[in-house]
């Protein structure tokens, strides 16, 4: 793992309490946008804004169900993010600190 560029949108998406709450809600399974709206007490345009950031980051998947959108966690992406966090927080032979003269 040398390039962290692909993770920038993920961490930007996670840098907001509302989006973290949405991911937490989705941990129980698929949800319709209408149900997310009800639980968060936010407007539909605000939800759309947050969901675009989450879907663009790859953290959640979206499917259309008539006029509503249904959302689920992208478990594959979440696993990649977990792997990255483990990788950067664990001592390893090729650690960047070893090349910096530490």
C-alpha atoms as a PDB file:
ATOM      1  CA  UNK A   1       0.000   0.000   0.000  1.00  0.00           C
ATOM      2  CA  UNK A   2       1.884   3.016  -1.216  1.00  0.00           C
ATOM      3  CA  UNK A   3      -0.820   5.315  -2.571  1.00  0.00           C
ATOM      4  CA  UNK A   4      -3.422   6.624  -0.197  1.00  0.00           C
ATOM      5  CA  UNK A   5      -5.076   8.907  -2.772  1.00  0.00           C
ATOM      6  CA  UNK A   6      -8.103   6.653  -3.282  1.00  0.00           C
ATOM      7  CA  UNK A   7      -8.937   6.978   0.433  1.00  0.00           C
ATOM      8  CA  UNK A   8      -9.168  10.779   0.490  1.00  0.00           C
ATOM      9  CA  UNK A   9     -12.877  10.843  -0.527  1.00  0.00           C
ATOM     10  CA  UNK A  10     -13.603   8.194   2.115  1.00  0.00           C
ATOM     11  CA  UNK A  11     -12.107  10.189   4.956  1.00  0.00           C
ATOM     12  CA  UNK A  12     -13.748  13.382   3.719  1.00  0.00           C
ATOM     13  CA  UNK A  13     -17.071  11.513   3.740  1.00  0.00           C
ATOM     14  CA  UNK A  14     -16.424  10.308   7.284  1.00  0.00           C
ATOM     15  CA  UNK A  15     -15.561  13.809   8.486  1.00  0.00           C
ATOM     16  CA  UNK A  16     -19.211  14.681   9.105  1.00  0.00           C
ATOM     17  CA  UNK A  17     -21.396  13.565  12.001  1.00  0.00           C
ATOM     18  CA  UNK A  18     -24.556  13.244   9.885  1.00  0.00           C
ATOM     19  CA  UNK A  19     -22.815  10.939   7.416  1.00  0.00           C
ATOM     20  CA  UNK A  20     -21.425   8.803  10.230  1.00  0.00           C
ATOM     21  CA  UNK A  21     -24.961   8.555  11.641  1.00  0.00           C
ATOM     22  CA  UNK A  22     -26.234   7.445   8.230  1.00  0.00           C
ATOM     23  CA  UNK A  23     -23.601   4.711   8.007  1.00  0.00           C
ATOM     24  CA  UNK A  24     -24.480   3.623  11.533  1.00  0.00           C
ATOM     25  CA  UNK A  25     -28.154   3.370  10.555  1.00  0.00           C
ATOM     26  CA  UNK A  26     -27.256   1.336   7.475  1.00  0.00           C
ATOM     27  CA  UNK A  27     -25.324  -1.135   9.622  1.00  0.00           C
ATOM     28  CA  UNK A  28     -28.691  -2.762  10.371  1.00  0.00           C
ATOM     29  CA  UNK A  29     -29.376  -3.311   6.654  1.00  0.00           C
ATOM     30  CA  UNK A  30     -30.882  -1.623   3.631  1.00  0.00           C
ATOM     31  CA  UNK A  31     -32.828   1.573   4.189  1.00  0.00           C
ATOM     32  CA  UNK A  32     -35.007   3.756   2.035  1.00  0.00           C
ATOM     33  CA  UNK A  33     -34.184   7.448   1.856  1.00  0.00           C
ATOM     34  CA  UNK A  34     -37.611   8.141   3.374  1.00  0.00           C
ATOM     35  CA  UNK A  35     -36.698   6.178   6.506  1.00  0.00           C
ATOM     36  CA  UNK A  36     -33.335   7.918   6.818  1.00  0.00           C
ATOM     37  CA  UNK A  37     -35.094  11.277   6.476  1.00  0.00           C
ATOM     38  CA  UNK A  38     -37.503  10.373   9.253  1.00  0.00           C
ATOM     39  CA  UNK A  39     -34.760   9.243  11.656  1.00  0.00           C
ATOM     40  CA  UNK A  40     -32.478  12.239  11.091  1.00  0.00           C
ATOM     41  CA  UNK A  41     -35.084  14.986  10.816  1.00  0.00           C
ATOM     42  CA  UNK A  42     -33.273  16.665   7.926  1.00  0.00           C
ATOM     43  CA  UNK A  43     -34.605  17.945   4.615  1.00  0.00           C
ATOM     44  CA  UNK A  44     -34.591  15.872   1.448  1.00  0.00           C
ATOM     45  CA  UNK A  45     -32.046  18.172  -0.298  1.00  0.00           C
ATOM     46  CA  UNK A  46     -29.718  17.869   2.712  1.00  0.00           C
ATOM     47  CA  UNK A  47     -30.036  14.092   2.653  1.00  0.00           C
ATOM     48  CA  UNK A  48     -29.318  14.038  -1.087  1.00  0.00           C
ATOM     49  CA  UNK A  49     -26.181  16.093  -0.506  1.00  0.00           C
ATOM     50  CA  UNK A  50     -24.898  13.687   2.164  1.00  0.00           C
ATOM     51  CA  UNK A  51     -25.835  10.573   0.195  1.00  0.00           C
ATOM     52  CA  UNK A  52     -24.009  11.832  -2.897  1.00  0.00           C
ATOM     53  CA  UNK A  53     -20.837  12.252  -0.861  1.00  0.00           C
ATOM     54  CA  UNK A  54     -21.235   8.785   0.668  1.00  0.00           C
ATOM     55  CA  UNK A  55     -21.966   7.083  -2.649  1.00  0.00           C
ATOM     56  CA  UNK A  56     -19.196   8.973  -4.486  1.00  0.00           C
ATOM     57  CA  UNK A  57     -16.750   7.815  -1.796  1.00  0.00           C
ATOM     58  CA  UNK A  58     -17.846   4.217  -2.369  1.00  0.00           C
ATOM     59  CA  UNK A  59     -18.879   3.680   1.250  1.00  0.00           C
ATOM     60  CA  UNK A  60     -22.519   3.024   0.395  1.00  0.00           C
ATOM     61  CA  UNK A  61     -24.410   1.539  -2.555  1.00  0.00           C
ATOM     62  CA  UNK A  62     -27.638   2.951  -3.955  1.00  0.00           C
ATOM     63  CA  UNK A  63     -30.479   1.433  -5.975  1.00  0.00           C
ATOM     64  CA  UNK A  64     -33.619   3.118  -7.253  1.00  0.00           C
ATOM     65  CA  UNK A  65     -36.959   1.798  -5.969  1.00  0.00           C
ATOM     66  CA  UNK A  66     -39.641   3.719  -7.844  1.00  0.00           C
ATOM     67  CA  UNK A  67     -39.331   7.319  -6.735  1.00  0.00           C
ATOM     68  CA  UNK A  68     -37.187   6.472  -3.698  1.00  0.00           C
ATOM     69  CA  UNK A  69     -33.590   5.447  -3.354  1.00  0.00           C
ATOM     70  CA  UNK A  70     -32.500   2.502  -1.228  1.00  0.00           C
ATOM     71  CA  UNK A  71     -29.085   2.452   0.405  1.00  0.00           C
ATOM     72  CA  UNK A  72     -26.771  -0.236   1.758  1.00  0.00           C
ATOM     73  CA  UNK A  73     -23.250  -0.292   3.141  1.00  0.00           C
ATOM     74  CA  UNK A  74     -20.566  -1.295   0.649  1.00  0.00           C
ATOM     75  CA  UNK A  75     -18.924  -3.899   2.866  1.00  0.00           C
ATOM     76  CA  UNK A  76     -16.074  -4.455   0.413  1.00  0.00           C
ATOM     77  CA  UNK A  77     -15.069  -0.791   0.608  1.00  0.00           C
ATOM     78  CA  UNK A  78     -15.441  -0.777   4.391  1.00  0.00           C
ATOM     79  CA  UNK A  79     -13.092  -3.756   4.583  1.00  0.00           C
ATOM     80  CA  UNK A  80     -10.527  -1.942   2.426  1.00  0.00           C
ATOM     81  CA  UNK A  81     -10.718   1.088   4.739  1.00  0.00           C
ATOM     82  CA  UNK A  82     -10.311  -1.172   7.793  1.00  0.00           C
ATOM     83  CA  UNK A  83      -7.303  -2.834   6.150  1.00  0.00           C
ATOM     84  CA  UNK A  84      -5.768   0.573   5.449  1.00  0.00           C
ATOM     85  CA  UNK A  85      -6.218   1.705   9.045  1.00  0.00           C
ATOM     86  CA  UNK A  86      -4.625  -1.503  10.312  1.00  0.00           C
ATOM     87  CA  UNK A  87      -1.786  -1.117   7.815  1.00  0.00           C
ATOM     88  CA  UNK A  88      -0.918   2.489   8.668  1.00  0.00           C
ATOM     89  CA  UNK A  89      -1.193   1.951  12.418  1.00  0.00           C
ATOM     90  CA  UNK A  90       0.945  -1.183  12.639  1.00  0.00           C
ATOM     91  CA  UNK A  91       4.739  -1.433  12.694  1.00  0.00           C
ATOM     92  CA  UNK A  92       6.025  -3.114   9.574  1.00  0.00           C
ATOM     93  CA  UNK A  93       9.320  -3.809   7.862  1.00  0.00           C
ATOM     94  CA  UNK A  94       8.749  -1.269   5.079  1.00  0.00           C
ATOM     95  CA  UNK A  95       7.348   1.425   7.375  1.00  0.00           C
ATOM     96  CA  UNK A  96       7.890   4.992   6.209  1.00  0.00           C
ATOM     97  CA  UNK A  97       9.571   5.818   9.529  1.00  0.00           C
ATOM     98  CA  UNK A  98      12.380   3.376   8.726  1.00  0.00           C
ATOM     99  CA  UNK A  99      13.257   5.334   5.584  1.00  0.00           C
ATOM    100  CA  UNK A 100      13.236   8.684   7.407  1.00  0.00           C
ATOM    101  CA  UNK A 101      16.188   7.917   9.660  1.00  0.00           C
ATOM    102  CA  UNK A 102      14.213   7.197  12.820  1.00  0.00           C
END
